[in-house]
């Protein structure tokens, strides 16, 4: 039997898509309805939204805006660390040290099998030294988050590298006089754009949703701020959770659209 014969039919794919969509939609719809529920009468009201986003409600908005700002900075620093360190390493292994591919893959995927609380136990002494030299700002969590997102970013970038002939492209560029920096920036990065965008999206999503490491290392980020606001106003955490999910979803659409436009422009 051919492999193509094992592929599901269009009807099967549609049914699976509908079932998965319903499973995702039920908790989201329940959360949306909860934010509009009147705790007194049980009816529908906009009072919860207006109360939470009232500029005078600094008790709730203050920690959330501070945590959101820290999470945005963390996302930018984490993406920069992952791309600036992981991409050149993968390219160097692909071109010069292919024997190190398997050991590096094992090391890159190892953090996914280690619980976050175990990572914190190992990182706590390191962060004592980081706090003494670089301070205790929330941005320092980017070093820990870089380890956390490493397996996901590795898979995204490695898939793009496997999809192109890196050696031929680099040798062709060098034969035309390009140095190593030009080969990476002007030749390989444009061809790896889709994998880099996917790695960046995953890194942002992980940073915005991570709680354990930030809580145990006593840093204020979006998720820890939501826990604080939930104790003051339970509707606030539900609203900002929905907004963060909507932001990540829109970011996914933008990145998918950008990659699609790029692929269309690349066609003759």
C-alpha atoms as a PDB file:
ATOM      1  CA  UNK A   1       0.000   0.000   0.000  1.00  0.00           C
ATOM      2  CA  UNK A   2       1.361   3.411  -0.933  1.00  0.00           C
ATOM      3  CA  UNK A   3       1.898   6.122   1.615  1.00  0.00           C
ATOM      4  CA  UNK A   4      -0.552   8.384  -0.213  1.00  0.00           C
ATOM      5  CA  UNK A   5      -3.262   5.791   0.368  1.00  0.00           C
ATOM      6  CA  UNK A   6      -2.816   6.161   4.122  1.00  0.00           C
ATOM      7  CA  UNK A   7      -3.517   9.911   4.031  1.00  0.00           C
ATOM      8  CA  UNK A   8      -6.895  10.891   5.534  1.00  0.00           C
ATOM      9  CA  UNK A   9      -9.636  12.031   3.210  1.00  0.00           C
ATOM     10  CA  UNK A  10     -10.825  15.622   3.009  1.00  0.00           C
ATOM     11  CA  UNK A  11     -13.929  14.757   5.048  1.00  0.00           C
ATOM     12  CA  UNK A  12     -11.829  13.156   7.786  1.00  0.00           C
ATOM     13  CA  UNK A  13      -9.566  16.189   7.960  1.00  0.00           C
ATOM     14  CA  UNK A  14     -12.582  18.482   8.144  1.00  0.00           C
ATOM     15  CA  UNK A  15     -14.135  16.455  10.967  1.00  0.00           C
ATOM     16  CA  UNK A  16     -10.862  16.418  12.914  1.00  0.00           C
ATOM     17  CA  UNK A  17     -10.483  20.171  12.406  1.00  0.00           C
ATOM     18  CA  UNK A  18     -14.026  20.851  13.620  1.00  0.00           C
ATOM     19  CA  UNK A  19     -13.612  18.656  16.722  1.00  0.00           C
ATOM     20  CA  UNK A  20     -10.285  20.252  17.628  1.00  0.00           C
ATOM     21  CA  UNK A  21     -11.756  23.709  17.021  1.00  0.00           C
ATOM     22  CA  UNK A  22     -14.683  22.971  19.336  1.00  0.00           C
ATOM     23  CA  UNK A  23     -12.355  21.693  22.064  1.00  0.00           C
ATOM     24  CA  UNK A  24     -10.389  24.947  21.879  1.00  0.00           C
ATOM     25  CA  UNK A  25     -13.477  27.151  21.537  1.00  0.00           C
ATOM     26  CA  UNK A  26     -15.393  25.841  24.573  1.00  0.00           C
ATOM     27  CA  UNK A  27     -12.980  27.090  27.298  1.00  0.00           C
ATOM     28  CA  UNK A  28     -12.387  30.366  25.442  1.00  0.00           C
ATOM     29  CA  UNK A  29     -16.112  31.002  25.033  1.00  0.00           C
ATOM     30  CA  UNK A  30     -16.685  30.127  28.681  1.00  0.00           C
ATOM     31  CA  UNK A  31     -14.021  32.619  29.743  1.00  0.00           C
ATOM     32  CA  UNK A  32     -15.540  35.337  27.553  1.00  0.00           C
ATOM     33  CA  UNK A  33     -19.002  34.724  29.027  1.00  0.00           C
ATOM     34  CA  UNK A  34     -17.523  34.774  32.516  1.00  0.00           C
ATOM     35  CA  UNK A  35     -16.073  38.261  31.993  1.00  0.00           C
ATOM     36  CA  UNK A  36     -19.548  39.570  31.093  1.00  0.00           C
ATOM     37  CA  UNK A  37     -21.329  37.883  34.005  1.00  0.00           C
ATOM     38  CA  UNK A  38     -22.910  40.006  36.691  1.00  0.00           C
ATOM     39  CA  UNK A  39     -21.888  38.466  40.012  1.00  0.00           C
ATOM     40  CA  UNK A  40     -25.006  39.858  41.703  1.00  0.00           C
ATOM     41  CA  UNK A  41     -27.842  39.102  39.306  1.00  0.00           C
ATOM     42  CA  UNK A  42     -26.161  36.495  37.129  1.00  0.00           C
ATOM     43  CA  UNK A  43     -27.024  38.442  33.978  1.00  0.00           C
ATOM     44  CA  UNK A  44     -24.827  39.981  31.292  1.00  0.00           C
ATOM     45  CA  UNK A  45     -23.106  43.306  31.927  1.00  0.00           C
ATOM     46  CA  UNK A  46     -20.222  45.455  30.712  1.00  0.00           C
ATOM     47  CA  UNK A  47     -19.501  46.725  34.206  1.00  0.00           C
ATOM     48  CA  UNK A  48     -16.646  44.256  34.728  1.00  0.00           C
ATOM     49  CA  UNK A  49     -14.749  45.521  31.682  1.00  0.00           C
ATOM     50  CA  UNK A  50     -15.321  49.190  32.454  1.00  0.00           C
ATOM     51  CA  UNK A  51     -14.305  48.685  36.072  1.00  0.00           C
ATOM     52  CA  UNK A  52     -11.113  46.808  35.299  1.00  0.00           C
ATOM     53  CA  UNK A  53      -9.968  49.276  32.625  1.00  0.00           C
ATOM     54  CA  UNK A  54     -10.902  52.346  34.610  1.00  0.00           C
ATOM     55  CA  UNK A  55      -7.718  54.509  34.741  1.00  0.00           C
ATOM     56  CA  UNK A  56      -8.423  55.136  38.414  1.00  0.00           C
ATOM     57  CA  UNK A  57      -8.252  51.396  39.145  1.00  0.00           C
ATOM     58  CA  UNK A  58      -4.485  51.468  39.707  1.00  0.00           C
ATOM     59  CA  UNK A  59      -4.701  48.605  42.186  1.00  0.00           C
ATOM     60  CA  UNK A  60      -5.341  46.197  39.329  1.00  0.00           C
ATOM     61  CA  UNK A  61      -3.889  47.988  36.305  1.00  0.00           C
ATOM     62  CA  UNK A  62      -0.607  48.970  37.968  1.00  0.00           C
ATOM     63  CA  UNK A  63       0.799  45.450  38.484  1.00  0.00           C
ATOM     64  CA  UNK A  64      -0.561  44.224  35.134  1.00  0.00           C
ATOM     65  CA  UNK A  65       0.963  47.045  33.065  1.00  0.00           C
ATOM     66  CA  UNK A  66       4.258  46.660  34.904  1.00  0.00           C
ATOM     67  CA  UNK A  67       4.242  42.889  34.351  1.00  0.00           C
ATOM     68  CA  UNK A  68       3.247  43.303  30.699  1.00  0.00           C
ATOM     69  CA  UNK A  69       6.060  45.771  30.096  1.00  0.00           C
ATOM     70  CA  UNK A  70       8.568  43.395  31.682  1.00  0.00           C
ATOM     71  CA  UNK A  71       7.250  40.490  29.602  1.00  0.00           C
ATOM     72  CA  UNK A  72       7.568  42.483  26.360  1.00  0.00           C
ATOM     73  CA  UNK A  73      11.183  43.382  27.176  1.00  0.00           C
ATOM     74  CA  UNK A  74      11.829  39.751  28.108  1.00  0.00           C
ATOM     75  CA  UNK A  75      10.342  38.550  24.823  1.00  0.00           C
ATOM     76  CA  UNK A  76      12.580  40.866  22.783  1.00  0.00           C
ATOM     77  CA  UNK A  77      15.750  39.933  24.709  1.00  0.00           C
ATOM     78  CA  UNK A  78      14.921  36.207  24.606  1.00  0.00           C
ATOM     79  CA  UNK A  79      14.316  36.241  20.846  1.00  0.00           C
ATOM     80  CA  UNK A  80      17.587  38.130  20.336  1.00  0.00           C
ATOM     81  CA  UNK A  81      19.526  35.637  22.478  1.00  0.00           C
ATOM     82  CA  UNK A  82      18.002  32.607  20.759  1.00  0.00           C
ATOM     83  CA  UNK A  83      18.486  33.870  17.196  1.00  0.00           C
ATOM     84  CA  UNK A  84      21.951  35.380  17.665  1.00  0.00           C
ATOM     85  CA  UNK A  85      23.325  32.272  19.388  1.00  0.00           C
ATOM     86  CA  UNK A  86      21.354  29.365  17.965  1.00  0.00           C
ATOM     87  CA  UNK A  87      21.296  30.290  14.272  1.00  0.00           C
ATOM     88  CA  UNK A  88      25.088  30.763  13.787  1.00  0.00           C
ATOM     89  CA  UNK A  89      25.731  27.614  15.815  1.00  0.00           C
ATOM     90  CA  UNK A  90      23.402  25.514  13.650  1.00  0.00           C
ATOM     91  CA  UNK A  91      24.889  26.931  10.452  1.00  0.00           C
ATOM     92  CA  UNK A  92      28.440  26.296  11.684  1.00  0.00           C
ATOM     93  CA  UNK A  93      27.585  22.702  12.606  1.00  0.00           C
ATOM     94  CA  UNK A  94      25.903  22.159   9.241  1.00  0.00           C
ATOM     95  CA  UNK A  95      28.890  23.498   7.288  1.00  0.00           C
ATOM     96  CA  UNK A  96      31.969  22.615   9.339  1.00  0.00           C
ATOM     97  CA  UNK A  97      31.176  20.135  12.107  1.00  0.00           C
ATOM     98  CA  UNK A  98      28.447  17.705  10.914  1.00  0.00           C
ATOM     99  CA  UNK A  99      29.582  15.103  13.470  1.00  0.00           C
ATOM    100  CA  UNK A 100      28.393  17.384  16.260  1.00  0.00           C
ATOM    101  CA  UNK A 101      24.839  17.485  14.899  1.00  0.00           C
ATOM    102  CA  UNK A 102      23.511  14.603  17.003  1.00  0.00           C
ATOM    103  CA  UNK A 103      25.164  15.626  20.311  1.00  0.00           C
ATOM    104  CA  UNK A 104      24.009  19.223  19.844  1.00  0.00           C
ATOM    105  CA  UNK A 105      20.477  18.070  19.036  1.00  0.00           C
ATOM    106  CA  UNK A 106      20.436  16.068  22.269  1.00  0.00           C
ATOM    107  CA  UNK A 107      21.590  19.089  24.282  1.00  0.00           C
ATOM    108  CA  UNK A 108      19.129  21.428  22.541  1.00  0.00           C
ATOM    109  CA  UNK A 109      16.148  19.143  23.170  1.00  0.00           C
ATOM    110  CA  UNK A 110      17.144  18.251  26.729  1.00  0.00           C
ATOM    111  CA  UNK A 111      15.404  21.223  28.463  1.00  0.00           C
ATOM    112  CA  UNK A 112      11.999  20.038  27.249  1.00  0.00           C
ATOM    113  CA  UNK A 113      12.309  16.951  29.467  1.00  0.00           C
ATOM    114  CA  UNK A 114      13.342  18.885  32.593  1.00  0.00           C
ATOM    115  CA  UNK A 115      10.540  20.392  34.732  1.00  0.00           C
ATOM    116  CA  UNK A 116      10.679  24.142  35.225  1.00  0.00           C
ATOM    117  CA  UNK A 117      10.996  23.805  38.987  1.00  0.00           C
ATOM    118  CA  UNK A 118      14.100  21.623  38.538  1.00  0.00           C
ATOM    119  CA  UNK A 119      15.583  24.233  36.210  1.00  0.00           C
ATOM    120  CA  UNK A 120      14.994  26.885  38.872  1.00  0.00           C
ATOM    121  CA  UNK A 121      16.848  24.815  41.483  1.00  0.00           C
ATOM    122  CA  UNK A 122      19.867  24.685  39.193  1.00  0.00           C
ATOM    123  CA  UNK A 123      19.560  28.314  38.096  1.00  0.00           C
ATOM    124  CA  UNK A 124      19.095  29.810  41.573  1.00  0.00           C
ATOM    125  CA  UNK A 125      22.847  29.931  42.428  1.00  0.00           C
ATOM    126  CA  UNK A 126      23.577  31.360  38.985  1.00  0.00           C
ATOM    127  CA  UNK A 127      20.987  34.082  39.457  1.00  0.00           C
ATOM    128  CA  UNK A 128      22.535  35.024  42.765  1.00  0.00           C
ATOM    129  CA  UNK A 129      25.668  35.986  40.848  1.00  0.00           C
ATOM    130  CA  UNK A 130      23.644  37.595  38.046  1.00  0.00           C
ATOM    131  CA  UNK A 131      21.816  39.706  40.624  1.00  0.00           C
ATOM    132  CA  UNK A 132      25.103  40.913  42.083  1.00  0.00           C
ATOM    133  CA  UNK A 133      26.632  41.837  38.725  1.00  0.00           C
ATOM    134  CA  UNK A 134      23.720  42.762  36.429  1.00  0.00           C
ATOM    135  CA  UNK A 135      20.990  43.555  38.950  1.00  0.00           C
ATOM    136  CA  UNK A 136      17.662  41.907  39.682  1.00  0.00           C
ATOM    137  CA  UNK A 137      15.678  43.356  36.787  1.00  0.00           C
ATOM    138  CA  UNK A 138      13.065  41.179  35.153  1.00  0.00           C
ATOM    139  CA  UNK A 139      15.023  41.232  31.865  1.00  0.00           C
ATOM    140  CA  UNK A 140      17.611  38.904  33.397  1.00  0.00           C
ATOM    141  CA  UNK A 141      15.058  36.095  33.148  1.00  0.00           C
ATOM    142  CA  UNK A 142      15.855  36.061  29.409  1.00  0.00           C
ATOM    143  CA  UNK A 143      18.847  33.810  30.134  1.00  0.00           C
ATOM    144  CA  UNK A 144      16.574  31.208  31.749  1.00  0.00           C
ATOM    145  CA  UNK A 145      13.869  31.644  29.125  1.00  0.00           C
ATOM    146  CA  UNK A 146      16.464  31.164  26.397  1.00  0.00           C
ATOM    147  CA  UNK A 147      17.088  27.681  27.792  1.00  0.00           C
ATOM    148  CA  UNK A 148      13.341  27.012  28.059  1.00  0.00           C
ATOM    149  CA  UNK A 149      12.525  27.924  24.455  1.00  0.00           C
ATOM    150  CA  UNK A 150      15.664  26.295  23.025  1.00  0.00           C
ATOM    151  CA  UNK A 151      14.018  22.963  22.024  1.00  0.00           C
ATOM    152  CA  UNK A 152      11.151  24.672  20.171  1.00  0.00           C
ATOM    153  CA  UNK A 153      13.377  27.221  18.445  1.00  0.00           C
ATOM    154  CA  UNK A 154      15.849  24.492  17.495  1.00  0.00           C
ATOM    155  CA  UNK A 155      13.177  22.415  15.760  1.00  0.00           C
ATOM    156  CA  UNK A 156      11.839  25.401  13.817  1.00  0.00           C
ATOM    157  CA  UNK A 157      15.230  26.593  12.583  1.00  0.00           C
ATOM    158  CA  UNK A 158      16.570  23.088  11.939  1.00  0.00           C
ATOM    159  CA  UNK A 159      13.559  22.250   9.765  1.00  0.00           C
ATOM    160  CA  UNK A 160      14.264  25.301   7.609  1.00  0.00           C
ATOM    161  CA  UNK A 161      17.962  24.418   7.359  1.00  0.00           C
ATOM    162  CA  UNK A 162      17.126  20.872   6.267  1.00  0.00           C
ATOM    163  CA  UNK A 163      14.775  22.242   3.599  1.00  0.00           C
ATOM    164  CA  UNK A 164      17.550  24.114   1.742  1.00  0.00           C
ATOM    165  CA  UNK A 165      21.030  23.223   0.525  1.00  0.00           C
ATOM    166  CA  UNK A 166      23.085  25.283   2.962  1.00  0.00           C
ATOM    167  CA  UNK A 167      26.458  24.055   1.698  1.00  0.00           C
ATOM    168  CA  UNK A 168      25.760  24.847  -1.948  1.00  0.00           C
ATOM    169  CA  UNK A 169      24.414  28.302  -1.152  1.00  0.00           C
ATOM    170  CA  UNK A 170      27.342  29.184   1.100  1.00  0.00           C
ATOM    171  CA  UNK A 171      29.931  27.869  -1.385  1.00  0.00           C
ATOM    172  CA  UNK A 172      28.295  29.786  -4.225  1.00  0.00           C
ATOM    173  CA  UNK A 173      28.316  32.986  -2.154  1.00  0.00           C
ATOM    174  CA  UNK A 174      31.957  32.525  -1.161  1.00  0.00           C
ATOM    175  CA  UNK A 175      32.940  31.921  -4.782  1.00  0.00           C
ATOM    176  CA  UNK A 176      31.482  35.362  -5.527  1.00  0.00           C
ATOM    177  CA  UNK A 177      33.621  36.990  -2.830  1.00  0.00           C
ATOM    178  CA  UNK A 178      31.230  37.006   0.150  1.00  0.00           C
ATOM    179  CA  UNK A 179      32.677  36.635   3.642  1.00  0.00           C
ATOM    180  CA  UNK A 180      31.157  34.604   6.452  1.00  0.00           C
ATOM    181  CA  UNK A 181      29.007  37.463   7.733  1.00  0.00           C
ATOM    182  CA  UNK A 182      27.590  38.197   4.276  1.00  0.00           C
ATOM    183  CA  UNK A 183      26.862  34.514   3.705  1.00  0.00           C
ATOM    184  CA  UNK A 184      24.762  34.311   6.867  1.00  0.00           C
ATOM    185  CA  UNK A 185      23.003  37.682   6.660  1.00  0.00           C
ATOM    186  CA  UNK A 186      22.448  38.125   2.915  1.00  0.00           C
ATOM    187  CA  UNK A 187      22.234  34.538   1.670  1.00  0.00           C
ATOM    188  CA  UNK A 188      21.127  32.101   4.362  1.00  0.00           C
ATOM    189  CA  UNK A 189      18.866  34.249   6.576  1.00  0.00           C
ATOM    190  CA  UNK A 190      16.479  35.194   3.701  1.00  0.00           C
ATOM    191  CA  UNK A 191      16.102  31.500   2.881  1.00  0.00           C
ATOM    192  CA  UNK A 192      15.546  30.624   6.543  1.00  0.00           C
ATOM    193  CA  UNK A 193      13.050  33.430   7.152  1.00  0.00           C
ATOM    194  CA  UNK A 194      10.055  31.158   7.771  1.00  0.00           C
ATOM    195  CA  UNK A 195      11.875  29.070  10.388  1.00  0.00           C
ATOM    196  CA  UNK A 196      13.234  32.186  12.116  1.00  0.00           C
ATOM    197  CA  UNK A 197       9.754  33.715  12.252  1.00  0.00           C
ATOM    198  CA  UNK A 198       8.334  30.502  13.713  1.00  0.00           C
ATOM    199  CA  UNK A 199      11.110  30.343  16.319  1.00  0.00           C
ATOM    200  CA  UNK A 200      10.464  33.981  17.247  1.00  0.00           C
ATOM    201  CA  UNK A 201       6.726  33.400  17.602  1.00  0.00           C
ATOM    202  CA  UNK A 202       7.225  30.357  19.804  1.00  0.00           C
ATOM    203  CA  UNK A 203       9.699  32.265  21.964  1.00  0.00           C
ATOM    204  CA  UNK A 204       7.255  35.151  22.428  1.00  0.00           C
ATOM    205  CA  UNK A 205       4.406  32.770  23.269  1.00  0.00           C
ATOM    206  CA  UNK A 206       6.503  30.900  25.850  1.00  0.00           C
ATOM    207  CA  UNK A 207       7.708  34.125  27.480  1.00  0.00           C
ATOM    208  CA  UNK A 208       4.195  35.560  27.738  1.00  0.00           C
ATOM    209  CA  UNK A 209       2.819  32.347  29.246  1.00  0.00           C
ATOM    210  CA  UNK A 210       5.641  31.334  31.619  1.00  0.00           C
ATOM    211  CA  UNK A 211       4.916  31.546  35.360  1.00  0.00           C
ATOM    212  CA  UNK A 212       6.956  29.024  37.352  1.00  0.00           C
ATOM    213  CA  UNK A 213      10.453  30.373  36.742  1.00  0.00           C
ATOM    214  CA  UNK A 214       9.420  34.002  37.234  1.00  0.00           C
ATOM    215  CA  UNK A 215       7.523  33.215  40.418  1.00  0.00           C
ATOM    216  CA  UNK A 216      10.256  31.137  42.051  1.00  0.00           C
ATOM    217  CA  UNK A 217      12.965  33.631  41.077  1.00  0.00           C
ATOM    218  CA  UNK A 218      10.787  36.481  42.379  1.00  0.00           C
ATOM    219  CA  UNK A 219      10.486  38.476  39.148  1.00  0.00           C
ATOM    220  CA  UNK A 220       7.391  40.407  38.092  1.00  0.00           C
ATOM    221  CA  UNK A 221       6.055  39.416  34.675  1.00  0.00           C
ATOM    222  CA  UNK A 222       2.619  39.232  33.097  1.00  0.00           C
ATOM    223  CA  UNK A 223       1.644  35.860  34.557  1.00  0.00           C
ATOM    224  CA  UNK A 224       2.708  36.724  38.118  1.00  0.00           C
ATOM    225  CA  UNK A 225       0.866  40.044  37.783  1.00  0.00           C
ATOM    226  CA  UNK A 226      -2.277  38.177  36.733  1.00  0.00           C
ATOM    227  CA  UNK A 227      -2.095  36.104  39.920  1.00  0.00           C
ATOM    228  CA  UNK A 228      -1.856  39.291  42.001  1.00  0.00           C
ATOM    229  CA  UNK A 229      -4.737  40.944  40.134  1.00  0.00           C
ATOM    230  CA  UNK A 230      -6.852  37.789  40.453  1.00  0.00           C
ATOM    231  CA  UNK A 231      -6.757  38.169  44.228  1.00  0.00           C
ATOM    232  CA  UNK A 232      -8.045  41.731  43.882  1.00  0.00           C
ATOM    233  CA  UNK A 233     -10.487  41.281  40.992  1.00  0.00           C
ATOM    234  CA  UNK A 234     -11.029  37.769  39.542  1.00  0.00           C
ATOM    235  CA  UNK A 235     -12.440  39.222  36.310  1.00  0.00           C
ATOM    236  CA  UNK A 236      -9.214  41.101  35.552  1.00  0.00           C
ATOM    237  CA  UNK A 237      -7.033  38.013  35.111  1.00  0.00           C
ATOM    238  CA  UNK A 238      -9.604  36.409  32.788  1.00  0.00           C
ATOM    239  CA  UNK A 239      -9.788  39.545  30.639  1.00  0.00           C
ATOM    240  CA  UNK A 240      -6.052  39.991  30.299  1.00  0.00           C
ATOM    241  CA  UNK A 241      -5.600  36.283  29.606  1.00  0.00           C
ATOM    242  CA  UNK A 242      -8.028  36.589  26.700  1.00  0.00           C
ATOM    243  CA  UNK A 243      -6.256  39.697  25.441  1.00  0.00           C
ATOM    244  CA  UNK A 244      -2.847  37.992  25.589  1.00  0.00           C
ATOM    245  CA  UNK A 245      -4.208  34.984  23.685  1.00  0.00           C
ATOM    246  CA  UNK A 246      -5.693  37.321  21.068  1.00  0.00           C
ATOM    247  CA  UNK A 247      -2.341  39.109  20.755  1.00  0.00           C
ATOM    248  CA  UNK A 248      -0.444  35.848  20.174  1.00  0.00           C
ATOM    249  CA  UNK A 249      -3.092  34.708  17.671  1.00  0.00           C
ATOM    250  CA  UNK A 250      -2.830  37.977  15.721  1.00  0.00           C
ATOM    251  CA  UNK A 251       0.960  37.725  15.828  1.00  0.00           C
ATOM    252  CA  UNK A 252       0.700  34.224  14.376  1.00  0.00           C
ATOM    253  CA  UNK A 253      -1.516  35.501  11.543  1.00  0.00           C
ATOM    254  CA  UNK A 254       0.888  38.359  10.792  1.00  0.00           C
ATOM    255  CA  UNK A 255       3.902  36.046  10.689  1.00  0.00           C
ATOM    256  CA  UNK A 256       2.038  33.492   8.573  1.00  0.00           C
ATOM    257  CA  UNK A 257       0.949  36.254   6.194  1.00  0.00           C
ATOM    258  CA  UNK A 258       4.481  37.647   5.972  1.00  0.00           C
ATOM    259  CA  UNK A 259       5.918  34.215   5.202  1.00  0.00           C
ATOM    260  CA  UNK A 260       3.253  33.631   2.548  1.00  0.00           C
ATOM    261  CA  UNK A 261       3.911  36.968   0.860  1.00  0.00           C
ATOM    262  CA  UNK A 262       7.639  36.238   0.942  1.00  0.00           C
ATOM    263  CA  UNK A 263       7.161  32.853  -0.713  1.00  0.00           C
ATOM    264  CA  UNK A 264       4.980  34.391  -3.427  1.00  0.00           C
ATOM    265  CA  UNK A 265       7.592  37.038  -4.195  1.00  0.00           C
ATOM    266  CA  UNK A 266      10.259  34.327  -4.427  1.00  0.00           C
ATOM    267  CA  UNK A 267       8.354  32.533  -7.200  1.00  0.00           C
ATOM    268  CA  UNK A 268       9.414  33.362 -10.784  1.00  0.00           C
END
